[in-house]
Protein backbone atom coordinates (compact mmCIF):
# COMPACT_ATOMS: atom_id res chain seq x y z
CA UNK A 1 0.00 0.00 0.00
CA UNK A 2 1.24 3.46 -0.87
CA UNK A 3 0.75 6.72 1.01
CA UNK A 4 0.19 9.27 -1.75
CA UNK A 5 0.15 12.99 -0.99
CA UNK A 6 1.39 14.34 -4.33
CA UNK A 7 1.34 12.90 -7.84
CA UNK A 8 3.66 13.92 -10.68
CA UNK A 9 1.91 14.01 -14.05
CA UNK A 10 3.95 13.72 -17.23
CA UNK A 11 2.11 14.82 -20.37
CA UNK A 12 2.40 16.78 -23.58
CA UNK A 13 2.95 20.47 -24.14
CA UNK A 14 0.71 19.95 -27.18
CA UNK A 15 -2.99 19.09 -27.09
CA UNK A 16 -2.78 16.14 -29.47
CA UNK A 17 -5.06 15.19 -32.34
CA UNK A 18 -7.84 13.53 -30.33
CA UNK A 19 -10.06 15.83 -28.21
CA UNK A 20 -10.31 13.02 -25.66
CA UNK A 21 -6.68 13.62 -24.66
CA UNK A 22 -7.67 17.05 -23.37
CA UNK A 23 -10.74 15.62 -21.65
CA UNK A 24 -8.55 13.03 -19.93
CA UNK A 25 -6.07 15.66 -18.74
CA UNK A 26 -8.90 17.72 -17.24
CA UNK A 27 -10.45 14.62 -15.64
CA UNK A 28 -7.16 13.54 -14.05
CA UNK A 29 -6.33 17.03 -12.74
CA UNK A 30 -9.81 17.40 -11.25
CA UNK A 31 -9.82 13.90 -9.74
CA UNK A 32 -6.45 14.35 -8.03
CA UNK A 33 -7.56 17.64 -6.49
CA UNK A 34 -10.94 16.24 -5.40
CA UNK A 35 -9.16 13.30 -3.76
CA UNK A 36 -6.91 15.70 -1.85
CA UNK A 37 -3.78 14.79 -3.82
CA UNK A 38 -1.34 17.51 -4.79
CA UNK A 39 -0.30 17.70 -8.44
CA UNK A 40 3.29 18.18 -9.59
CA UNK A 41 3.87 18.85 -13.26
CA UNK A 42 6.14 20.61 -15.75
CA UNK A 43 4.98 24.16 -15.06
CA UNK A 44 3.73 25.16 -18.50
CA UNK A 45 0.36 26.61 -19.47
CA UNK A 46 0.18 24.96 -22.90
CA UNK A 47 -1.25 21.72 -24.24
CA UNK A 48 -2.24 18.88 -21.95
CA UNK A 49 0.17 20.00 -19.24
CA UNK A 50 -1.61 23.34 -18.96
CA UNK A 51 -5.01 21.63 -18.95
CA UNK A 52 -4.17 19.20 -16.15
CA UNK A 53 -2.81 22.03 -14.00
CA UNK A 54 -5.71 24.37 -14.60
CA UNK A 55 -8.20 21.60 -13.84
CA UNK A 56 -6.41 20.84 -10.58
CA UNK A 57 -6.47 24.47 -9.54
CA UNK A 58 -10.12 24.94 -10.53
CA UNK A 59 -11.01 21.95 -8.35
CA UNK A 60 -9.22 23.56 -5.40
CA UNK A 61 -6.09 21.42 -5.42
CA UNK A 62 -2.45 22.12 -4.73
CA UNK A 63 -0.57 22.40 -8.04
CA UNK A 64 3.22 22.75 -8.11
CA UNK A 65 4.94 23.49 -11.41
CA UNK A 66 8.62 22.83 -12.05
CA UNK A 67 9.99 24.46 -15.19
CA UNK A 68 13.50 25.01 -16.58
CA UNK A 69 14.50 28.64 -16.93
CA UNK A 70 14.94 28.25 -20.71
CA UNK A 71 11.31 27.10 -21.10
CA UNK A 72 9.59 29.76 -18.98
CA UNK A 73 8.73 31.76 -22.10
CA UNK A 74 8.54 28.90 -24.65
CA UNK A 75 6.16 26.72 -22.62
CA UNK A 76 4.56 29.86 -21.20
CA UNK A 77 4.84 29.36 -17.46
CA UNK A 78 1.45 28.94 -15.78
CA UNK A 79 0.49 31.99 -13.75
CA UNK A 80 -2.15 30.39 -11.50
CA UNK A 81 -0.36 27.72 -9.47
CA UNK A 82 0.13 27.08 -5.79
CA UNK A 83 3.85 27.38 -6.50
CA UNK A 84 6.07 27.59 -9.58
CA UNK A 85 9.69 26.52 -9.20
CA UNK A 86 12.12 27.64 -11.89
CA UNK A 87 15.13 25.33 -12.18
CA UNK A 88 18.32 25.42 -14.24
CA UNK A 89 17.62 22.59 -16.69
CA UNK A 90 15.74 19.43 -17.66
CA UNK A 91 17.69 17.08 -15.38
CA UNK A 92 17.00 19.25 -12.36
CA UNK A 93 13.33 19.49 -13.38
CA UNK A 94 12.88 15.71 -13.41
CA UNK A 95 14.75 15.24 -10.15
CA UNK A 96 12.75 17.96 -8.43
CA UNK A 97 9.44 16.57 -9.70
CA UNK A 98 10.45 13.13 -8.40
CA UNK A 99 11.51 14.53 -5.03
CA UNK A 100 8.18 16.32 -4.60
CA UNK A 101 6.02 13.33 -5.61
CA UNK A 102 4.84 10.02 -4.19
CA UNK A 103 3.65 8.61 -7.53
CA UNK A 104 3.90 9.22 -11.28
CA UNK A 105 1.15 9.28 -13.92
CA UNK A 106 1.91 9.29 -17.64
CA UNK A 107 -0.79 10.85 -19.83
CA UNK A 108 -0.51 11.05 -23.63
CA UNK A 109 2.41 13.13 -24.81
CA UNK A 110 5.46 13.22 -27.03
CA UNK A 111 9.18 12.53 -26.76
CA UNK A 112 9.59 14.48 -23.51
CA UNK A 113 6.78 12.52 -21.87
CA UNK A 114 8.33 9.23 -22.97
CA UNK A 115 11.73 10.34 -21.69
CA UNK A 116 10.27 11.24 -18.30
CA UNK A 117 8.44 7.91 -18.09
CA UNK A 118 11.51 5.85 -18.95
CA UNK A 119 13.70 7.72 -16.50
CA UNK A 120 11.42 7.23 -13.50
CA UNK A 121 10.75 3.61 -14.51
CA UNK A 122 14.53 3.00 -14.70
CA UNK A 123 14.93 4.60 -11.28
CA UNK A 124 12.25 2.27 -9.91
CA UNK A 125 14.02 -0.79 -11.30
CA UNK A 126 17.32 0.33 -9.77
CA UNK A 127 15.70 0.99 -6.38
CA UNK A 128 16.31 4.76 -6.52
CA UNK A 129 12.65 5.18 -5.63
CA UNK A 130 9.79 2.88 -4.63
CA UNK A 131 6.87 4.86 -6.01
CA UNK A 132 4.06 3.70 -8.30
CA UNK A 133 4.06 4.58 -12.00
CA UNK A 134 0.78 4.61 -13.89
CA UNK A 135 0.24 4.65 -17.64
CA UNK A 136 -3.05 6.46 -18.18
CA UNK A 137 -4.44 5.25 -21.48
CA UNK A 138 -6.80 7.18 -23.73
CA UNK A 139 -8.28 5.34 -26.74
CA UNK A 140 -5.37 2.90 -26.84
CA UNK A 141 -2.75 5.66 -27.14
CA UNK A 142 -0.21 3.69 -25.09
CA UNK A 143 -0.89 0.27 -26.66
CA UNK A 144 2.23 0.37 -28.89
CA UNK A 145 4.36 1.23 -25.85
CA UNK A 146 2.91 -1.67 -23.87
CA UNK A 147 3.64 -4.02 -26.79
CA UNK A 148 7.25 -2.81 -26.83
CA UNK A 149 7.56 -3.25 -23.05
CA UNK A 150 6.25 -6.81 -23.40
CA UNK A 151 8.91 -7.40 -26.06
CA UNK A 152 11.61 -6.12 -23.69
CA UNK A 153 10.41 -8.68 -21.15
CA UNK A 154 10.14 -11.59 -23.60
CA UNK A 155 13.62 -10.87 -24.97
CA UNK A 156 15.14 -10.89 -21.47
CA UNK A 157 15.96 -7.21 -21.06
CA UNK A 158 13.37 -6.33 -18.40
CA UNK A 159 12.16 -8.52 -15.56
CA UNK A 160 8.48 -9.41 -15.66
CA UNK A 161 8.03 -8.02 -12.15
CA UNK A 162 8.79 -4.52 -13.46
CA UNK A 163 6.31 -4.87 -16.30
CA UNK A 164 3.75 -6.12 -13.79
CA UNK A 165 4.48 -3.21 -11.43
CA UNK A 166 3.33 -0.65 -14.02
CA UNK A 167 -0.23 0.47 -13.39
CA UNK A 168 -2.54 0.68 -16.38
CA UNK A 169 -5.63 2.86 -15.93
CA UNK A 170 -8.27 4.33 -18.21
CA UNK A 171 -10.36 6.41 -15.79
CA UNK A 172 -9.62 8.57 -12.73
CA UNK A 173 -11.32 6.32 -10.15
CA UNK A 174 -9.37 3.28 -11.34
CA UNK A 175 -6.16 5.33 -11.32
CA UNK A 176 -6.58 6.50 -7.73
CA UNK A 177 -7.55 3.04 -6.51
CA UNK A 178 -4.56 1.36 -8.16
CA UNK A 179 -2.09 4.01 -6.98
CA UNK A 180 -3.19 3.49 -3.39
CA UNK A 181 -3.15 -0.32 -3.58
CA UNK A 182 0.27 -0.57 -5.29
CA UNK A 183 3.15 -2.58 -3.81
CA UNK A 184 6.76 -1.98 -4.84
CA UNK A 185 8.71 -4.68 -6.70
CA UNK A 186 12.13 -5.68 -5.41
CA UNK A 187 14.86 -3.62 -7.12
CA UNK A 188 16.70 -5.24 -10.04
CA UNK A 189 19.92 -6.02 -8.21
CA UNK A 190 18.12 -7.54 -5.22
CA UNK A 191 15.89 -9.77 -7.39
CA UNK A 192 16.31 -13.55 -7.40
CA UNK A 193 18.97 -15.00 -9.71
CA UNK A 194 17.79 -15.40 -13.27
CA UNK A 195 15.48 -12.37 -13.30
CA UNK A 196 16.50 -9.25 -15.14
C-alpha atoms as a PDB file:
ATOM      1  CA  UNK A   1       0.000   0.000   0.000  1.00  0.00           C
ATOM      2  CA  UNK A   2       1.244   3.463  -0.871  1.00  0.00           C
ATOM      3  CA  UNK A   3       0.752   6.724   1.015  1.00  0.00           C
ATOM      4  CA  UNK A   4       0.192   9.267  -1.748  1.00  0.00           C
ATOM      5  CA  UNK A   5       0.152  12.988  -0.993  1.00  0.00           C
ATOM      6  CA  UNK A   6       1.386  14.342  -4.328  1.00  0.00           C
ATOM      7  CA  UNK A   7       1.341  12.897  -7.840  1.00  0.00           C
ATOM      8  CA  UNK A   8       3.657  13.918 -10.683  1.00  0.00           C
ATOM      9  CA  UNK A   9       1.912  14.014 -14.047  1.00  0.00           C
ATOM     10  CA  UNK A  10       3.955  13.725 -17.228  1.00  0.00           C
ATOM     11  CA  UNK A  11       2.109  14.820 -20.366  1.00  0.00           C
ATOM     12  CA  UNK A  12       2.404  16.780 -23.577  1.00  0.00           C
ATOM     13  CA  UNK A  13       2.953  20.470 -24.139  1.00  0.00           C
ATOM     14  CA  UNK A  14       0.712  19.953 -27.184  1.00  0.00           C
ATOM     15  CA  UNK A  15      -2.994  19.094 -27.093  1.00  0.00           C
ATOM     16  CA  UNK A  16      -2.775  16.137 -29.471  1.00  0.00           C
ATOM     17  CA  UNK A  17      -5.061  15.189 -32.340  1.00  0.00           C
ATOM     18  CA  UNK A  18      -7.841  13.526 -30.329  1.00  0.00           C
ATOM     19  CA  UNK A  19     -10.059  15.833 -28.212  1.00  0.00           C
ATOM     20  CA  UNK A  20     -10.310  13.023 -25.657  1.00  0.00           C
ATOM     21  CA  UNK A  21      -6.681  13.615 -24.659  1.00  0.00           C
ATOM     22  CA  UNK A  22      -7.665  17.050 -23.374  1.00  0.00           C
ATOM     23  CA  UNK A  23     -10.743  15.619 -21.655  1.00  0.00           C
ATOM     24  CA  UNK A  24      -8.553  13.026 -19.928  1.00  0.00           C
ATOM     25  CA  UNK A  25      -6.071  15.658 -18.738  1.00  0.00           C
ATOM     26  CA  UNK A  26      -8.904  17.717 -17.245  1.00  0.00           C
ATOM     27  CA  UNK A  27     -10.455  14.622 -15.638  1.00  0.00           C
ATOM     28  CA  UNK A  28      -7.161  13.539 -14.046  1.00  0.00           C
ATOM     29  CA  UNK A  29      -6.328  17.027 -12.742  1.00  0.00           C
ATOM     30  CA  UNK A  30      -9.806  17.397 -11.252  1.00  0.00           C
ATOM     31  CA  UNK A  31      -9.815  13.898  -9.745  1.00  0.00           C
ATOM     32  CA  UNK A  32      -6.451  14.345  -8.034  1.00  0.00           C
ATOM     33  CA  UNK A  33      -7.564  17.641  -6.494  1.00  0.00           C
ATOM     34  CA  UNK A  34     -10.945  16.243  -5.400  1.00  0.00           C
ATOM     35  CA  UNK A  35      -9.158  13.301  -3.761  1.00  0.00           C
ATOM     36  CA  UNK A  36      -6.905  15.701  -1.854  1.00  0.00           C
ATOM     37  CA  UNK A  37      -3.779  14.789  -3.821  1.00  0.00           C
ATOM     38  CA  UNK A  38      -1.343  17.514  -4.787  1.00  0.00           C
ATOM     39  CA  UNK A  39      -0.296  17.705  -8.437  1.00  0.00           C
ATOM     40  CA  UNK A  40       3.292  18.180  -9.590  1.00  0.00           C
ATOM     41  CA  UNK A  41       3.869  18.849 -13.265  1.00  0.00           C
ATOM     42  CA  UNK A  42       6.136  20.609 -15.754  1.00  0.00           C
ATOM     43  CA  UNK A  43       4.984  24.164 -15.056  1.00  0.00           C
ATOM     44  CA  UNK A  44       3.732  25.162 -18.503  1.00  0.00           C
ATOM     45  CA  UNK A  45       0.364  26.609 -19.472  1.00  0.00           C
ATOM     46  CA  UNK A  46       0.178  24.959 -22.898  1.00  0.00           C
ATOM     47  CA  UNK A  47      -1.251  21.717 -24.236  1.00  0.00           C
ATOM     48  CA  UNK A  48      -2.243  18.878 -21.950  1.00  0.00           C
ATOM     49  CA  UNK A  49       0.167  20.002 -19.237  1.00  0.00           C
ATOM     50  CA  UNK A  50      -1.605  23.336 -18.959  1.00  0.00           C
ATOM     51  CA  UNK A  51      -5.007  21.628 -18.946  1.00  0.00           C
ATOM     52  CA  UNK A  52      -4.168  19.196 -16.148  1.00  0.00           C
ATOM     53  CA  UNK A  53      -2.805  22.026 -13.996  1.00  0.00           C
ATOM     54  CA  UNK A  54      -5.713  24.371 -14.605  1.00  0.00           C
ATOM     55  CA  UNK A  55      -8.196  21.604 -13.836  1.00  0.00           C
ATOM     56  CA  UNK A  56      -6.410  20.839 -10.579  1.00  0.00           C
ATOM     57  CA  UNK A  57      -6.467  24.471  -9.543  1.00  0.00           C
ATOM     58  CA  UNK A  58     -10.120  24.937 -10.532  1.00  0.00           C
ATOM     59  CA  UNK A  59     -11.007  21.948  -8.350  1.00  0.00           C
ATOM     60  CA  UNK A  60      -9.219  23.561  -5.396  1.00  0.00           C
ATOM     61  CA  UNK A  61      -6.091  21.420  -5.424  1.00  0.00           C
ATOM     62  CA  UNK A  62      -2.447  22.117  -4.726  1.00  0.00           C
ATOM     63  CA  UNK A  63      -0.566  22.401  -8.037  1.00  0.00           C
ATOM     64  CA  UNK A  64       3.219  22.750  -8.109  1.00  0.00           C
ATOM     65  CA  UNK A  65       4.938  23.486 -11.407  1.00  0.00           C
ATOM     66  CA  UNK A  66       8.624  22.828 -12.054  1.00  0.00           C
ATOM     67  CA  UNK A  67       9.988  24.463 -15.190  1.00  0.00           C
ATOM     68  CA  UNK A  68      13.497  25.013 -16.579  1.00  0.00           C
ATOM     69  CA  UNK A  69      14.501  28.643 -16.932  1.00  0.00           C
ATOM     70  CA  UNK A  70      14.943  28.247 -20.712  1.00  0.00           C
ATOM     71  CA  UNK A  71      11.310  27.103 -21.098  1.00  0.00           C
ATOM     72  CA  UNK A  72       9.589  29.764 -18.984  1.00  0.00           C
ATOM     73  CA  UNK A  73       8.734  31.761 -22.104  1.00  0.00           C
ATOM     74  CA  UNK A  74       8.540  28.902 -24.647  1.00  0.00           C
ATOM     75  CA  UNK A  75       6.160  26.723 -22.620  1.00  0.00           C
ATOM     76  CA  UNK A  76       4.560  29.863 -21.203  1.00  0.00           C
ATOM     77  CA  UNK A  77       4.843  29.359 -17.455  1.00  0.00           C
ATOM     78  CA  UNK A  78       1.447  28.936 -15.783  1.00  0.00           C
ATOM     79  CA  UNK A  79       0.495  31.992 -13.748  1.00  0.00           C
ATOM     80  CA  UNK A  80      -2.146  30.391 -11.499  1.00  0.00           C
ATOM     81  CA  UNK A  81      -0.356  27.724  -9.474  1.00  0.00           C
ATOM     82  CA  UNK A  82       0.129  27.083  -5.792  1.00  0.00           C
ATOM     83  CA  UNK A  83       3.855  27.384  -6.504  1.00  0.00           C
ATOM     84  CA  UNK A  84       6.074  27.593  -9.579  1.00  0.00           C
ATOM     85  CA  UNK A  85       9.685  26.521  -9.200  1.00  0.00           C
ATOM     86  CA  UNK A  86      12.117  27.641 -11.890  1.00  0.00           C
ATOM     87  CA  UNK A  87      15.130  25.325 -12.184  1.00  0.00           C
ATOM     88  CA  UNK A  88      18.317  25.422 -14.244  1.00  0.00           C
ATOM     89  CA  UNK A  89      17.617  22.593 -16.691  1.00  0.00           C
ATOM     90  CA  UNK A  90      15.744  19.433 -17.657  1.00  0.00           C
ATOM     91  CA  UNK A  91      17.690  17.081 -15.375  1.00  0.00           C
ATOM     92  CA  UNK A  92      17.005  19.253 -12.358  1.00  0.00           C
ATOM     93  CA  UNK A  93      13.331  19.490 -13.379  1.00  0.00           C
ATOM     94  CA  UNK A  94      12.882  15.710 -13.408  1.00  0.00           C
ATOM     95  CA  UNK A  95      14.751  15.240 -10.151  1.00  0.00           C
ATOM     96  CA  UNK A  96      12.748  17.957  -8.426  1.00  0.00           C
ATOM     97  CA  UNK A  97       9.438  16.568  -9.697  1.00  0.00           C
ATOM     98  CA  UNK A  98      10.448  13.132  -8.403  1.00  0.00           C
ATOM     99  CA  UNK A  99      11.514  14.530  -5.032  1.00  0.00           C
ATOM    100  CA  UNK A 100       8.175  16.318  -4.603  1.00  0.00           C
ATOM    101  CA  UNK A 101       6.023  13.334  -5.611  1.00  0.00           C
ATOM    102  CA  UNK A 102       4.839  10.017  -4.191  1.00  0.00           C
ATOM    103  CA  UNK A 103       3.649   8.610  -7.534  1.00  0.00           C
ATOM    104  CA  UNK A 104       3.904   9.216 -11.281  1.00  0.00           C
ATOM    105  CA  UNK A 105       1.154   9.281 -13.919  1.00  0.00           C
ATOM    106  CA  UNK A 106       1.906   9.292 -17.640  1.00  0.00           C
ATOM    107  CA  UNK A 107      -0.786  10.851 -19.833  1.00  0.00           C
ATOM    108  CA  UNK A 108      -0.507  11.055 -23.632  1.00  0.00           C
ATOM    109  CA  UNK A 109       2.412  13.126 -24.811  1.00  0.00           C
ATOM    110  CA  UNK A 110       5.464  13.215 -27.027  1.00  0.00           C
ATOM    111  CA  UNK A 111       9.178  12.527 -26.764  1.00  0.00           C
ATOM    112  CA  UNK A 112       9.592  14.476 -23.508  1.00  0.00           C
ATOM    113  CA  UNK A 113       6.779  12.521 -21.874  1.00  0.00           C
ATOM    114  CA  UNK A 114       8.330   9.230 -22.970  1.00  0.00           C
ATOM    115  CA  UNK A 115      11.728  10.335 -21.694  1.00  0.00           C
ATOM    116  CA  UNK A 116      10.271  11.242 -18.298  1.00  0.00           C
ATOM    117  CA  UNK A 117       8.440   7.913 -18.095  1.00  0.00           C
ATOM    118  CA  UNK A 118      11.509   5.846 -18.953  1.00  0.00           C
ATOM    119  CA  UNK A 119      13.700   7.721 -16.497  1.00  0.00           C
ATOM    120  CA  UNK A 120      11.417   7.232 -13.498  1.00  0.00           C
ATOM    121  CA  UNK A 121      10.752   3.610 -14.512  1.00  0.00           C
ATOM    122  CA  UNK A 122      14.526   2.996 -14.700  1.00  0.00           C
ATOM    123  CA  UNK A 123      14.931   4.598 -11.277  1.00  0.00           C
ATOM    124  CA  UNK A 124      12.251   2.270  -9.909  1.00  0.00           C
ATOM    125  CA  UNK A 125      14.017  -0.790 -11.295  1.00  0.00           C
ATOM    126  CA  UNK A 126      17.320   0.333  -9.773  1.00  0.00           C
ATOM    127  CA  UNK A 127      15.704   0.985  -6.379  1.00  0.00           C
ATOM    128  CA  UNK A 128      16.312   4.755  -6.518  1.00  0.00           C
ATOM    129  CA  UNK A 129      12.651   5.176  -5.629  1.00  0.00           C
ATOM    130  CA  UNK A 130       9.792   2.875  -4.631  1.00  0.00           C
ATOM    131  CA  UNK A 131       6.872   4.860  -6.010  1.00  0.00           C
ATOM    132  CA  UNK A 132       4.064   3.704  -8.305  1.00  0.00           C
ATOM    133  CA  UNK A 133       4.062   4.581 -12.001  1.00  0.00           C
ATOM    134  CA  UNK A 134       0.779   4.612 -13.891  1.00  0.00           C
ATOM    135  CA  UNK A 135       0.243   4.649 -17.640  1.00  0.00           C
ATOM    136  CA  UNK A 136      -3.049   6.459 -18.178  1.00  0.00           C
ATOM    137  CA  UNK A 137      -4.440   5.253 -21.475  1.00  0.00           C
ATOM    138  CA  UNK A 138      -6.799   7.179 -23.734  1.00  0.00           C
ATOM    139  CA  UNK A 139      -8.275   5.340 -26.739  1.00  0.00           C
ATOM    140  CA  UNK A 140      -5.372   2.901 -26.843  1.00  0.00           C
ATOM    141  CA  UNK A 141      -2.753   5.658 -27.137  1.00  0.00           C
ATOM    142  CA  UNK A 142      -0.211   3.693 -25.087  1.00  0.00           C
ATOM    143  CA  UNK A 143      -0.891   0.272 -26.655  1.00  0.00           C
ATOM    144  CA  UNK A 144       2.232   0.369 -28.891  1.00  0.00           C
ATOM    145  CA  UNK A 145       4.365   1.227 -25.847  1.00  0.00           C
ATOM    146  CA  UNK A 146       2.907  -1.674 -23.871  1.00  0.00           C
ATOM    147  CA  UNK A 147       3.644  -4.021 -26.787  1.00  0.00           C
ATOM    148  CA  UNK A 148       7.250  -2.812 -26.826  1.00  0.00           C
ATOM    149  CA  UNK A 149       7.560  -3.245 -23.054  1.00  0.00           C
ATOM    150  CA  UNK A 150       6.250  -6.805 -23.398  1.00  0.00           C
ATOM    151  CA  UNK A 151       8.915  -7.400 -26.064  1.00  0.00           C
ATOM    152  CA  UNK A 152      11.605  -6.119 -23.688  1.00  0.00           C
ATOM    153  CA  UNK A 153      10.413  -8.679 -21.146  1.00  0.00           C
ATOM    154  CA  UNK A 154      10.138 -11.590 -23.602  1.00  0.00           C
ATOM    155  CA  UNK A 155      13.619 -10.872 -24.968  1.00  0.00           C
ATOM    156  CA  UNK A 156      15.142 -10.890 -21.471  1.00  0.00           C
ATOM    157  CA  UNK A 157      15.961  -7.212 -21.060  1.00  0.00           C
ATOM    158  CA  UNK A 158      13.369  -6.331 -18.402  1.00  0.00           C
ATOM    159  CA  UNK A 159      12.160  -8.520 -15.560  1.00  0.00           C
ATOM    160  CA  UNK A 160       8.476  -9.409 -15.662  1.00  0.00           C
ATOM    161  CA  UNK A 161       8.028  -8.016 -12.147  1.00  0.00           C
ATOM    162  CA  UNK A 162       8.793  -4.520 -13.455  1.00  0.00           C
ATOM    163  CA  UNK A 163       6.306  -4.871 -16.301  1.00  0.00           C
ATOM    164  CA  UNK A 164       3.754  -6.118 -13.787  1.00  0.00           C
ATOM    165  CA  UNK A 165       4.480  -3.208 -11.426  1.00  0.00           C
ATOM    166  CA  UNK A 166       3.329  -0.654 -14.024  1.00  0.00           C
ATOM    167  CA  UNK A 167      -0.225   0.475 -13.387  1.00  0.00           C
ATOM    168  CA  UNK A 168      -2.541   0.676 -16.382  1.00  0.00           C
ATOM    169  CA  UNK A 169      -5.628   2.861 -15.932  1.00  0.00           C
ATOM    170  CA  UNK A 170      -8.274   4.329 -18.207  1.00  0.00           C
ATOM    171  CA  UNK A 171     -10.363   6.411 -15.787  1.00  0.00           C
ATOM    172  CA  UNK A 172      -9.624   8.566 -12.734  1.00  0.00           C
ATOM    173  CA  UNK A 173     -11.322   6.324 -10.151  1.00  0.00           C
ATOM    174  CA  UNK A 174      -9.365   3.276 -11.340  1.00  0.00           C
ATOM    175  CA  UNK A 175      -6.164   5.333 -11.324  1.00  0.00           C
ATOM    176  CA  UNK A 176      -6.584   6.501  -7.730  1.00  0.00           C
ATOM    177  CA  UNK A 177      -7.546   3.038  -6.511  1.00  0.00           C
ATOM    178  CA  UNK A 178      -4.559   1.363  -8.164  1.00  0.00           C
ATOM    179  CA  UNK A 179      -2.086   4.014  -6.983  1.00  0.00           C
ATOM    180  CA  UNK A 180      -3.187   3.493  -3.387  1.00  0.00           C
ATOM    181  CA  UNK A 181      -3.147  -0.316  -3.585  1.00  0.00           C
ATOM    182  CA  UNK A 182       0.273  -0.570  -5.288  1.00  0.00           C
ATOM    183  CA  UNK A 183       3.152  -2.585  -3.807  1.00  0.00           C
ATOM    184  CA  UNK A 184       6.760  -1.977  -4.844  1.00  0.00           C
ATOM    185  CA  UNK A 185       8.712  -4.679  -6.700  1.00  0.00           C
ATOM    186  CA  UNK A 186      12.131  -5.681  -5.410  1.00  0.00           C
ATOM    187  CA  UNK A 187      14.863  -3.622  -7.120  1.00  0.00           C
ATOM    188  CA  UNK A 188      16.697  -5.236 -10.044  1.00  0.00           C
ATOM    189  CA  UNK A 189      19.921  -6.022  -8.209  1.00  0.00           C
ATOM    190  CA  UNK A 190      18.125  -7.545  -5.220  1.00  0.00           C
ATOM    191  CA  UNK A 191      15.891  -9.766  -7.392  1.00  0.00           C
ATOM    192  CA  UNK A 192      16.315 -13.550  -7.404  1.00  0.00           C
ATOM    193  CA  UNK A 193      18.973 -15.003  -9.713  1.00  0.00           C
ATOM    194  CA  UNK A 194      17.789 -15.401 -13.272  1.00  0.00           C
ATOM    195  CA  UNK A 195      15.478 -12.366 -13.302  1.00  0.00           C
ATOM    196  CA  UNK A 196      16.502  -9.247 -15.139  1.00  0.00           C
END
